[in-house]
Amino acid sequence: MTDTSVTKVSSAHSPTGEQGQVYLASGKRMSMRLWRDEEPTQEKPSAKHEYEVVGYVISGRAELDIEGQTVRLEPGDSWVVPAGAEHTYRILERFKAVEATAPPAEVHGREQSQGGS
């Protein structure tokens, strides 16, 4: 039988990751997190994850470097980082975005052991 229960999560009480991301919701197959007012930065360390990431830019600007390609992200843009893809990013202008990961990024400490998106 499929679990159809609904869970409401208040961002005021959500766990926060090592890079400031706020985990909004997490289920068996996906998780959702918010990057809220990230300050401009130089390139973050390169990362590779066993989960896929899809995201949507609410405000600000960033560059995503993924497998030799650079993608500029601006308000209204969305992106996908496939599982296993080497990537990094630079925040160019105070940045707010929502990301979803599948399977969940925050499972058994996986996010902490591999670094942020």
C-alpha atoms as a PDB file:
ATOM      1  CA  MET A   1       0.000   0.000   0.000  1.00  0.00           C
ATOM      2  CA  THR A   2       1.296   3.456  -0.887  1.00  0.00           C
ATOM      3  CA  ASP A   3       1.925   5.903   1.951  1.00  0.00           C
ATOM      4  CA  THR A   4      -0.243   8.954   1.209  1.00  0.00           C
ATOM      5  CA  SER A   5       0.395  10.863   4.430  1.00  0.00           C
ATOM      6  CA  VAL A   6       1.180  14.564   4.139  1.00  0.00           C
ATOM      7  CA  THR A   7       3.903  16.246   6.177  1.00  0.00           C
ATOM      8  CA  LYS A   8       4.068  20.006   6.617  1.00  0.00           C
ATOM      9  CA  VAL A   9       7.523  21.413   7.402  1.00  0.00           C
ATOM     10  CA  SER A  10       8.081  24.940   8.734  1.00  0.00           C
ATOM     11  CA  SER A  11      11.361  26.374   7.438  1.00  0.00           C
ATOM     12  CA  ALA A  12      11.826  28.008  10.857  1.00  0.00           C
ATOM     13  CA  HIS A  13      12.381  24.517  12.302  1.00  0.00           C
ATOM     14  CA  SER A  14      14.125  22.844   9.360  1.00  0.00           C
ATOM     15  CA  PRO A  15      17.647  21.443   9.668  1.00  0.00           C
ATOM     16  CA  THR A  16      20.446  23.472   8.095  1.00  0.00           C
ATOM     17  CA  GLY A  17      23.294  21.948   6.092  1.00  0.00           C
ATOM     18  CA  GLU A  18      26.990  22.770   6.376  1.00  0.00           C
ATOM     19  CA  GLN A  19      26.806  25.333   3.540  1.00  0.00           C
ATOM     20  CA  GLY A  20      23.717  27.132   4.875  1.00  0.00           C
ATOM     21  CA  GLN A  21      21.051  25.291   2.888  1.00  0.00           C
ATOM     22  CA  VAL A  22      17.748  24.766   4.710  1.00  0.00           C
ATOM     23  CA  TYR A  23      16.092  21.363   4.294  1.00  0.00           C
ATOM     24  CA  LEU A  24      12.403  22.052   3.668  1.00  0.00           C
ATOM     25  CA  ALA A  25      11.057  18.524   3.208  1.00  0.00           C
ATOM     26  CA  SER A  26      12.397  15.034   2.821  1.00  0.00           C
ATOM     27  CA  GLY A  27      10.661  11.858   1.772  1.00  0.00           C
ATOM     28  CA  LYS A  28      11.654   8.373   0.737  1.00  0.00           C
ATOM     29  CA  ARG A  29      12.367   9.364  -2.873  1.00  0.00           C
ATOM     30  CA  MET A  30      13.317  13.052  -2.784  1.00  0.00           C
ATOM     31  CA  SER A  31      14.220  16.012  -0.603  1.00  0.00           C
ATOM     32  CA  MET A  32      13.804  19.748  -1.072  1.00  0.00           C
ATOM     33  CA  ARG A  33      16.090  22.479   0.213  1.00  0.00           C
ATOM     34  CA  LEU A  34      16.302  26.267   0.105  1.00  0.00           C
ATOM     35  CA  TRP A  35      19.427  28.322  -0.502  1.00  0.00           C
ATOM     36  CA  ARG A  36      18.496  31.602   1.176  1.00  0.00           C
ATOM     37  CA  ASP A  37      20.474  34.816   0.601  1.00  0.00           C
ATOM     38  CA  GLU A  38      23.786  33.146  -0.277  1.00  0.00           C
ATOM     39  CA  GLU A  39      26.480  35.818  -0.484  1.00  0.00           C
ATOM     40  CA  PRO A  40      28.750  36.119  -3.554  1.00  0.00           C
ATOM     41  CA  THR A  41      31.625  33.617  -3.419  1.00  0.00           C
ATOM     42  CA  GLN A  42      34.531  32.337  -5.401  1.00  0.00           C
ATOM     43  CA  GLU A  43      34.206  28.869  -6.859  1.00  0.00           C
ATOM     44  CA  LYS A  44      33.138  26.246  -4.323  1.00  0.00           C
ATOM     45  CA  PRO A  45      35.098  22.982  -4.152  1.00  0.00           C
ATOM     46  CA  SER A  46      34.168  20.551  -6.894  1.00  0.00           C
ATOM     47  CA  ALA A  47      31.579  17.926  -5.904  1.00  0.00           C
ATOM     48  CA  LYS A  48      30.057  14.733  -7.243  1.00  0.00           C
ATOM     49  CA  HIS A  49      26.923  13.181  -5.710  1.00  0.00           C
ATOM     50  CA  GLU A  50      25.020   9.913  -6.003  1.00  0.00           C
ATOM     51  CA  TYR A  51      21.767  11.861  -6.289  1.00  0.00           C
ATOM     52  CA  GLU A  52      20.271  14.059  -9.031  1.00  0.00           C
ATOM     53  CA  VAL A  53      19.627  17.753  -8.306  1.00  0.00           C
ATOM     54  CA  VAL A  54      17.053  19.998  -9.978  1.00  0.00           C
ATOM     55  CA  GLY A  55      16.815  23.643  -9.008  1.00  0.00           C
ATOM     56  CA  TYR A  56      15.027  26.916  -9.645  1.00  0.00           C
ATOM     57  CA  VAL A  57      16.489  30.428  -9.139  1.00  0.00           C
ATOM     58  CA  ILE A  58      14.264  32.798  -7.166  1.00  0.00           C
ATOM     59  CA  SER A  59      16.669  35.759  -7.069  1.00  0.00           C
ATOM     60  CA  GLY A  60      20.316  36.608  -7.668  1.00  0.00           C
ATOM     61  CA  ARG A  61      22.810  35.157 -10.113  1.00  0.00           C
ATOM     62  CA  ALA A  62      25.271  32.270 -10.125  1.00  0.00           C
ATOM     63  CA  GLU A  63      27.374  30.199 -12.490  1.00  0.00           C
ATOM     64  CA  LEU A  64      27.240  26.420 -12.468  1.00  0.00           C
ATOM     65  CA  ASP A  65      30.265  24.616 -13.898  1.00  0.00           C
ATOM     66  CA  ILE A  66      29.322  21.053 -14.771  1.00  0.00           C
ATOM     67  CA  GLU A  67      31.417  18.558 -16.713  1.00  0.00           C
ATOM     68  CA  GLY A  68      33.328  21.287 -18.612  1.00  0.00           C
ATOM     69  CA  GLN A  69      30.303  23.498 -19.314  1.00  0.00           C
ATOM     70  CA  THR A  70      29.445  26.794 -17.621  1.00  0.00           C
ATOM     71  CA  VAL A  71      25.791  27.685 -17.199  1.00  0.00           C
ATOM     72  CA  ARG A  72      24.770  31.152 -15.994  1.00  0.00           C
ATOM     73  CA  LEU A  73      21.780  31.007 -13.647  1.00  0.00           C
ATOM     74  CA  GLU A  74      19.447  34.003 -13.290  1.00  0.00           C
ATOM     75  CA  PRO A  75      15.985  34.533 -11.748  1.00  0.00           C
ATOM     76  CA  GLY A  76      13.461  32.225 -13.381  1.00  0.00           C
ATOM     77  CA  ASP A  77      16.105  29.767 -14.626  1.00  0.00           C
ATOM     78  CA  SER A  78      16.163  26.117 -13.640  1.00  0.00           C
ATOM     79  CA  TRP A  79      18.944  23.519 -13.804  1.00  0.00           C
ATOM     80  CA  VAL A  80      19.690  19.812 -13.502  1.00  0.00           C
ATOM     81  CA  VAL A  81      22.854  18.194 -12.159  1.00  0.00           C
ATOM     82  CA  PRO A  82      22.731  14.485 -13.043  1.00  0.00           C
ATOM     83  CA  ALA A  83      23.845  11.951 -10.448  1.00  0.00           C
ATOM     84  CA  GLY A  84      27.602  11.401 -10.720  1.00  0.00           C
ATOM     85  CA  ALA A  85      28.338  14.676 -12.580  1.00  0.00           C
ATOM     86  CA  GLU A  86      31.393  16.633 -11.419  1.00  0.00           C
ATOM     87  CA  HIS A  87      30.285  20.210 -10.690  1.00  0.00           C
ATOM     88  CA  THR A  88      30.935  23.430  -8.809  1.00  0.00           C
ATOM     89  CA  TYR A  89      29.340  26.865  -8.665  1.00  0.00           C
ATOM     90  CA  ARG A  90      30.066  30.532  -8.042  1.00  0.00           C
ATOM     91  CA  ILE A  91      27.574  32.939  -6.510  1.00  0.00           C
ATOM     92  CA  LEU A  92      27.784  36.196  -8.489  1.00  0.00           C
ATOM     93  CA  GLU A  93      24.994  38.142  -6.779  1.00  0.00           C
ATOM     94  CA  ARG A  94      23.131  37.431  -3.520  1.00  0.00           C
ATOM     95  CA  PHE A  95      21.366  34.169  -4.389  1.00  0.00           C
ATOM     96  CA  LYS A  96      18.120  32.462  -3.431  1.00  0.00           C
ATOM     97  CA  ALA A  97      17.091  29.148  -4.999  1.00  0.00           C
ATOM     98  CA  VAL A  98      15.090  26.004  -4.305  1.00  0.00           C
ATOM     99  CA  GLU A  99      16.557  22.577  -5.075  1.00  0.00           C
ATOM    100  CA  ALA A 100      15.103  19.081  -5.044  1.00  0.00           C
ATOM    101  CA  THR A 101      17.245  15.958  -4.897  1.00  0.00           C
ATOM    102  CA  ALA A 102      16.353  12.405  -5.816  1.00  0.00           C
ATOM    103  CA  PRO A 103      16.999  10.263  -3.919  1.00  0.00           C
ATOM    104  CA  PRO A 104      17.111  12.505  -0.822  1.00  0.00           C
ATOM    105  CA  ALA A 105      20.410  14.334  -0.229  1.00  0.00           C
ATOM    106  CA  GLU A 106      20.064  14.251   3.541  1.00  0.00           C
ATOM    107  CA  VAL A 107      20.047  10.511   4.236  1.00  0.00           C
ATOM    108  CA  HIS A 108      22.380   8.817   6.701  1.00  0.00           C
ATOM    109  CA  GLY A 109      24.742  11.827   6.682  1.00  0.00           C
ATOM    110  CA  ARG A 110      25.305  11.563   2.913  1.00  0.00           C
ATOM    111  CA  GLU A 111      25.222  15.355   2.385  1.00  0.00           C
ATOM    112  CA  GLN A 112      27.779  16.032   5.127  1.00  0.00           C
ATOM    113  CA  SER A 113      30.233  13.429   3.833  1.00  0.00           C
ATOM    114  CA  GLN A 114      30.216  14.705   0.225  1.00  0.00           C
ATOM    115  CA  GLY A 115      29.839  18.475   0.532  1.00  0.00           C
ATOM    116  CA  GLY A 116      27.044  20.696  -0.744  1.00  0.00           C
ATOM    117  CA  SER A 117      25.598  21.020  -4.194  1.00  0.00           C
END
